[in-house]
N, C-alpha and C. Protein backbone atom coordinates (compact mmCIF):
# COMPACT_ATOMS: atom_id res chain seq x y z
N MET A 1 0.84 -1.18 0.00
CA MET A 1 0.00 0.00 0.00
C MET A 1 0.88 1.24 0.00
N ALA A 2 0.57 2.20 -0.83
CA ALA A 2 1.36 3.43 -0.92
C ALA A 2 1.17 4.29 0.32
N ASP A 3 2.18 5.07 0.62
CA ASP A 3 2.05 6.02 1.72
C ASP A 3 0.89 6.96 1.45
N GLN A 4 0.18 7.30 2.49
CA GLN A 4 -0.91 8.25 2.36
C GLN A 4 -0.54 9.50 3.13
N GLN A 5 -0.98 10.62 2.64
CA GLN A 5 -0.71 11.87 3.34
C GLN A 5 -1.77 12.89 2.97
N VAL A 6 -1.91 13.87 3.84
CA VAL A 6 -2.78 15.00 3.58
C VAL A 6 -1.90 16.17 3.19
N VAL A 7 -2.22 16.80 2.07
CA VAL A 7 -1.45 17.95 1.61
C VAL A 7 -2.39 19.15 1.56
N PRO A 8 -2.15 20.15 2.40
CA PRO A 8 -3.05 21.31 2.37
C PRO A 8 -2.92 22.09 1.06
N MET A 9 -4.06 22.59 0.60
CA MET A 9 -4.09 23.50 -0.54
C MET A 9 -4.77 24.77 -0.04
N ILE A 10 -4.04 25.87 -0.08
CA ILE A 10 -4.65 27.12 0.37
C ILE A 10 -4.82 28.06 -0.81
N HIS A 11 -5.94 28.75 -0.78
CA HIS A 11 -6.27 29.72 -1.81
C HIS A 11 -5.71 31.07 -1.39
N VAL A 12 -4.96 31.69 -2.30
CA VAL A 12 -4.31 32.96 -2.00
C VAL A 12 -4.65 33.97 -3.09
N VAL A 13 -4.48 35.23 -2.77
CA VAL A 13 -4.79 36.31 -3.71
C VAL A 13 -3.78 36.34 -4.85
N ASP A 14 -2.49 36.24 -4.52
CA ASP A 14 -1.41 36.38 -5.49
C ASP A 14 -0.47 35.18 -5.34
N VAL A 15 -0.61 34.21 -6.21
CA VAL A 15 0.20 32.98 -6.11
C VAL A 15 1.68 33.31 -6.26
N GLN A 16 2.03 34.13 -7.24
CA GLN A 16 3.44 34.46 -7.49
C GLN A 16 4.10 35.08 -6.26
N ALA A 17 3.46 36.08 -5.66
CA ALA A 17 4.02 36.75 -4.48
C ALA A 17 4.11 35.78 -3.30
N THR A 18 3.11 34.93 -3.16
CA THR A 18 3.11 33.98 -2.06
C THR A 18 4.21 32.94 -2.24
N VAL A 19 4.41 32.47 -3.46
CA VAL A 19 5.50 31.54 -3.73
C VAL A 19 6.84 32.17 -3.36
N LYS A 20 7.05 33.40 -3.77
CA LYS A 20 8.32 34.07 -3.44
C LYS A 20 8.53 34.16 -1.94
N TRP A 21 7.47 34.48 -1.21
CA TRP A 21 7.58 34.59 0.25
C TRP A 21 7.96 33.24 0.86
N TYR A 22 7.27 32.18 0.45
CA TYR A 22 7.58 30.86 1.00
C TYR A 22 8.98 30.41 0.60
N GLU A 23 9.40 30.72 -0.61
CA GLU A 23 10.79 30.41 -1.00
C GLU A 23 11.78 31.13 -0.08
N SER A 24 11.46 32.36 0.28
CA SER A 24 12.37 33.15 1.11
C SER A 24 12.55 32.59 2.51
N ILE A 25 11.60 31.74 2.97
CA ILE A 25 11.74 31.15 4.29
C ILE A 25 12.17 29.69 4.23
N GLY A 26 12.51 29.19 3.04
CA GLY A 26 13.10 27.87 2.94
C GLY A 26 12.28 26.80 2.24
N PHE A 27 11.11 27.15 1.72
CA PHE A 27 10.33 26.17 0.95
C PHE A 27 10.92 26.08 -0.46
N ALA A 28 10.78 24.92 -1.08
CA ALA A 28 11.25 24.70 -2.45
C ALA A 28 10.05 24.61 -3.38
N VAL A 29 10.18 25.20 -4.56
CA VAL A 29 9.14 25.09 -5.57
C VAL A 29 9.34 23.77 -6.30
N LEU A 30 8.33 22.91 -6.25
CA LEU A 30 8.41 21.60 -6.88
C LEU A 30 7.73 21.57 -8.25
N ASN A 31 6.68 22.39 -8.40
CA ASN A 31 5.96 22.43 -9.67
C ASN A 31 5.08 23.67 -9.69
N THR A 32 4.86 24.21 -10.88
CA THR A 32 3.97 25.36 -11.03
C THR A 32 3.15 25.19 -12.30
N PHE A 33 2.01 25.87 -12.35
CA PHE A 33 1.17 25.90 -13.53
C PHE A 33 0.71 27.32 -13.76
N GLU A 34 0.62 27.69 -15.02
CA GLU A 34 0.17 29.01 -15.41
C GLU A 34 -1.09 28.90 -16.25
N ASP A 35 -1.85 29.97 -16.24
CA ASP A 35 -3.02 30.10 -17.11
C ASP A 35 -2.94 31.49 -17.73
N ASP A 36 -2.85 31.54 -19.05
CA ASP A 36 -2.69 32.82 -19.77
C ASP A 36 -1.53 33.64 -19.23
N GLY A 37 -0.40 32.96 -18.96
CA GLY A 37 0.80 33.64 -18.52
C GLY A 37 0.82 34.06 -17.06
N GLU A 38 -0.22 33.71 -16.32
CA GLU A 38 -0.27 34.07 -14.89
C GLU A 38 -0.16 32.81 -14.04
N LEU A 39 0.76 32.86 -13.07
CA LEU A 39 0.93 31.73 -12.17
C LEU A 39 -0.34 31.55 -11.34
N ASN A 40 -0.95 30.36 -11.43
CA ASN A 40 -2.19 30.15 -10.69
C ASN A 40 -2.16 28.92 -9.79
N PHE A 41 -1.03 28.20 -9.77
CA PHE A 41 -0.90 27.04 -8.90
C PHE A 41 0.57 26.75 -8.67
N ALA A 42 0.90 26.36 -7.45
CA ALA A 42 2.27 25.94 -7.14
C ALA A 42 2.23 24.82 -6.11
N LEU A 43 3.13 23.87 -6.29
CA LEU A 43 3.35 22.83 -5.31
C LEU A 43 4.70 23.13 -4.67
N LEU A 44 4.71 23.28 -3.36
CA LEU A 44 5.93 23.59 -2.62
C LEU A 44 6.30 22.42 -1.73
N GLY A 45 7.58 22.32 -1.42
CA GLY A 45 8.05 21.30 -0.50
C GLY A 45 8.83 21.92 0.64
N TYR A 46 8.72 21.30 1.79
CA TYR A 46 9.49 21.71 2.97
C TYR A 46 9.83 20.43 3.70
N GLY A 47 11.08 20.02 3.63
CA GLY A 47 11.44 18.71 4.16
C GLY A 47 10.68 17.64 3.39
N ASN A 48 9.97 16.79 4.11
CA ASN A 48 9.19 15.76 3.42
C ASN A 48 7.70 16.12 3.35
N SER A 49 7.38 17.40 3.52
CA SER A 49 6.00 17.88 3.47
C SER A 49 5.76 18.68 2.20
N HIS A 50 4.48 18.79 1.86
CA HIS A 50 4.09 19.56 0.68
C HIS A 50 2.99 20.55 1.04
N LEU A 51 2.92 21.61 0.25
CA LEU A 51 1.90 22.64 0.38
C LEU A 51 1.52 23.07 -1.02
N MET A 52 0.23 23.13 -1.28
CA MET A 52 -0.24 23.61 -2.58
C MET A 52 -0.82 25.01 -2.40
N LEU A 53 -0.50 25.88 -3.34
CA LEU A 53 -1.04 27.23 -3.38
C LEU A 53 -1.82 27.38 -4.67
N THR A 54 -2.99 27.93 -4.59
CA THR A 54 -3.80 28.15 -5.78
C THR A 54 -4.46 29.52 -5.69
N GLY A 55 -4.81 30.06 -6.83
CA GLY A 55 -5.42 31.38 -6.88
C GLY A 55 -6.86 31.35 -6.39
N GLY A 56 -7.47 32.52 -6.44
CA GLY A 56 -8.87 32.64 -6.07
C GLY A 56 -9.11 32.96 -4.61
N GLY A 57 -8.04 33.14 -3.85
CA GLY A 57 -8.21 33.49 -2.44
C GLY A 57 -8.68 34.92 -2.28
N GLN A 58 -9.34 35.17 -1.18
CA GLN A 58 -9.84 36.50 -0.87
C GLN A 58 -8.92 37.18 0.12
N PRO A 59 -8.72 38.48 -0.04
CA PRO A 59 -7.92 39.19 0.96
C PRO A 59 -8.63 39.16 2.31
N SER A 60 -7.85 39.26 3.36
CA SER A 60 -8.42 39.22 4.70
C SER A 60 -7.67 40.18 5.61
N GLU A 61 -8.40 40.81 6.48
CA GLU A 61 -7.80 41.64 7.53
C GLU A 61 -7.93 40.95 8.88
N ALA A 62 -8.46 39.73 8.87
CA ALA A 62 -8.62 38.98 10.11
C ALA A 62 -7.27 38.74 10.77
N ASP A 63 -7.27 38.68 12.07
CA ASP A 63 -6.04 38.38 12.79
C ASP A 63 -5.55 36.98 12.44
N ARG A 64 -6.50 36.08 12.22
CA ARG A 64 -6.15 34.68 11.98
C ARG A 64 -7.13 34.10 10.97
N ARG A 65 -6.60 33.35 10.02
CA ARG A 65 -7.44 32.67 9.03
C ARG A 65 -8.01 31.39 9.63
N ASP A 66 -8.82 30.68 8.85
CA ASP A 66 -9.48 29.47 9.35
C ASP A 66 -8.54 28.28 9.50
N VAL A 67 -7.37 28.34 8.89
CA VAL A 67 -6.41 27.22 8.93
C VAL A 67 -5.05 27.76 9.32
N ASP A 68 -4.38 27.05 10.21
CA ASP A 68 -2.97 27.32 10.52
C ASP A 68 -2.14 26.23 9.88
N LEU A 69 -0.92 26.54 9.54
CA LEU A 69 0.02 25.53 9.05
C LEU A 69 1.00 25.23 10.18
N TYR A 70 1.02 24.00 10.66
CA TYR A 70 1.94 23.61 11.72
C TYR A 70 3.13 22.94 11.07
N ILE A 71 4.30 23.49 11.30
CA ILE A 71 5.52 23.03 10.66
C ILE A 71 6.42 22.38 11.71
N HIS A 72 6.53 21.05 11.63
CA HIS A 72 7.45 20.34 12.51
C HIS A 72 8.87 20.63 12.01
N THR A 73 9.71 21.07 12.91
CA THR A 73 11.06 21.44 12.52
C THR A 73 12.07 20.71 13.40
N LEU A 74 13.28 20.59 12.90
CA LEU A 74 14.33 19.90 13.64
C LEU A 74 15.10 20.82 14.58
N ASP A 75 15.04 22.14 14.33
CA ASP A 75 15.77 23.09 15.16
C ASP A 75 14.99 24.40 15.22
N VAL A 76 13.98 24.43 16.08
CA VAL A 76 13.09 25.59 16.16
C VAL A 76 13.85 26.85 16.59
N GLU A 77 14.85 26.70 17.43
CA GLU A 77 15.64 27.87 17.87
C GLU A 77 16.35 28.50 16.67
N ALA A 78 16.98 27.68 15.84
CA ALA A 78 17.68 28.20 14.66
C ALA A 78 16.70 28.80 13.67
N ASP A 79 15.53 28.16 13.48
CA ASP A 79 14.52 28.72 12.58
C ASP A 79 14.05 30.09 13.07
N PHE A 80 13.84 30.20 14.36
CA PHE A 80 13.41 31.48 14.92
C PHE A 80 14.47 32.56 14.68
N GLN A 81 15.71 32.25 14.95
CA GLN A 81 16.79 33.23 14.75
C GLN A 81 16.90 33.62 13.28
N ARG A 82 16.70 32.67 12.39
CA ARG A 82 16.80 32.93 10.95
C ARG A 82 15.65 33.80 10.44
N LEU A 83 14.47 33.66 11.03
CA LEU A 83 13.28 34.33 10.49
C LEU A 83 12.82 35.55 11.26
N LYS A 84 13.23 35.73 12.50
CA LYS A 84 12.66 36.76 13.37
C LYS A 84 12.76 38.18 12.83
N ASP A 85 13.75 38.49 12.07
CA ASP A 85 13.91 39.84 11.53
C ASP A 85 13.45 39.94 10.07
N ARG A 86 12.91 38.85 9.51
CA ARG A 86 12.55 38.84 8.09
C ARG A 86 11.06 38.69 7.84
N VAL A 87 10.32 38.14 8.82
CA VAL A 87 8.89 37.91 8.65
C VAL A 87 8.15 38.44 9.87
N GLU A 88 6.84 38.54 9.74
CA GLU A 88 6.03 38.99 10.86
C GLU A 88 5.92 37.86 11.89
N ILE A 89 6.44 38.10 13.08
CA ILE A 89 6.37 37.14 14.17
C ILE A 89 5.23 37.57 15.09
N LEU A 90 4.30 36.66 15.32
CA LEU A 90 3.16 36.95 16.18
C LEU A 90 3.42 36.55 17.62
N ASP A 91 4.18 35.48 17.80
CA ASP A 91 4.47 34.98 19.13
C ASP A 91 5.86 34.37 19.08
N GLY A 92 6.76 34.90 19.91
CA GLY A 92 8.13 34.42 19.92
C GLY A 92 8.24 33.04 20.54
N LEU A 93 9.44 32.56 20.66
CA LEU A 93 9.67 31.21 21.19
C LEU A 93 9.01 31.04 22.55
N ASP A 94 8.28 29.95 22.67
CA ASP A 94 7.56 29.67 23.89
C ASP A 94 7.41 28.15 24.00
N THR A 95 7.08 27.70 25.19
CA THR A 95 6.84 26.28 25.40
C THR A 95 5.34 26.06 25.53
N SER A 96 4.80 25.17 24.71
CA SER A 96 3.36 24.90 24.72
C SER A 96 3.00 23.97 25.87
N PHE A 97 1.71 23.92 26.17
CA PHE A 97 1.23 23.03 27.22
C PHE A 97 1.38 21.56 26.84
N TYR A 98 1.56 21.27 25.54
CA TYR A 98 1.70 19.89 25.09
C TYR A 98 3.16 19.50 24.84
N GLY A 99 4.09 20.32 25.33
CA GLY A 99 5.48 19.92 25.33
C GLY A 99 6.26 20.17 24.06
N ALA A 100 6.02 21.32 23.43
CA ALA A 100 6.77 21.68 22.23
C ALA A 100 7.29 23.11 22.38
N ARG A 101 8.46 23.35 21.80
CA ARG A 101 8.98 24.72 21.67
C ARG A 101 8.45 25.23 20.35
N GLU A 102 7.85 26.42 20.35
CA GLU A 102 7.19 26.93 19.16
C GLU A 102 7.34 28.43 19.03
N PHE A 103 7.14 28.89 17.79
CA PHE A 103 6.90 30.30 17.54
C PHE A 103 5.91 30.40 16.39
N ILE A 104 5.25 31.55 16.30
CA ILE A 104 4.22 31.73 15.28
C ILE A 104 4.59 32.90 14.39
N ALA A 105 4.58 32.65 13.09
CA ALA A 105 4.79 33.69 12.07
C ALA A 105 3.50 33.80 11.26
N ARG A 106 3.37 34.91 10.53
CA ARG A 106 2.19 35.08 9.67
C ARG A 106 2.66 35.34 8.26
N ASP A 107 2.06 34.63 7.29
CA ASP A 107 2.42 34.82 5.88
C ASP A 107 1.69 36.03 5.31
N PRO A 108 1.97 36.42 4.07
CA PRO A 108 1.35 37.62 3.49
C PRO A 108 -0.17 37.52 3.33
N ASN A 109 -0.72 36.32 3.39
CA ASN A 109 -2.16 36.11 3.28
C ASN A 109 -2.82 35.99 4.65
N ARG A 110 -2.03 36.21 5.70
CA ARG A 110 -2.47 36.21 7.08
C ARG A 110 -2.71 34.81 7.65
N TYR A 111 -2.15 33.79 6.98
CA TYR A 111 -2.17 32.45 7.56
C TYR A 111 -1.08 32.35 8.61
N TRP A 112 -1.39 31.71 9.72
CA TRP A 112 -0.41 31.50 10.77
C TRP A 112 0.43 30.27 10.45
N LEU A 113 1.73 30.39 10.58
CA LEU A 113 2.66 29.28 10.47
C LEU A 113 3.26 29.05 11.85
N VAL A 114 2.95 27.92 12.44
CA VAL A 114 3.47 27.58 13.75
C VAL A 114 4.64 26.63 13.54
N PHE A 115 5.83 27.09 13.87
CA PHE A 115 7.02 26.26 13.79
C PHE A 115 7.19 25.60 15.15
N GLY A 116 7.25 24.27 15.20
CA GLY A 116 7.32 23.59 16.47
C GLY A 116 8.28 22.43 16.48
N GLN A 117 8.82 22.17 17.67
CA GLN A 117 9.73 21.05 17.88
C GLN A 117 9.43 20.45 19.24
N PRO A 118 9.19 19.14 19.30
CA PRO A 118 8.94 18.51 20.60
C PRO A 118 10.13 18.69 21.53
N ILE A 119 9.82 18.87 22.79
CA ILE A 119 10.87 18.96 23.81
C ILE A 119 11.25 17.54 24.19
N ASP A 120 12.54 17.24 24.09
CA ASP A 120 13.00 15.90 24.48
C ASP A 120 12.81 15.74 25.99
N GLY A 121 12.29 14.66 26.37
CA GLY A 121 12.05 14.49 27.79
C GLY A 121 11.98 13.10 28.15
């Protein structure tokens, strides 16, 4: 039986700008599709995870969208140091009630990205 996985697909206002932002924080572009010369879909990779971006999203001024992206990382401290001066940080490094070191960033579409690493114990 093949591995099964859930791959989120989020709708964004500007696929091209969103792809550039995610590339800037370490995601890799795996595939893209255009329609009439406009980028309207991208498949991104981060470690062994994938994220799909597609057009048609609505702008939002909400503090938080309906979906957060939780990113399991191998070195949350290093990720925080690398990103803290480059992206909008909503919550700095903290320890969660469920035993993870985490921080929260927000992407240009106002989706929360929670970078987390379990605390060895």
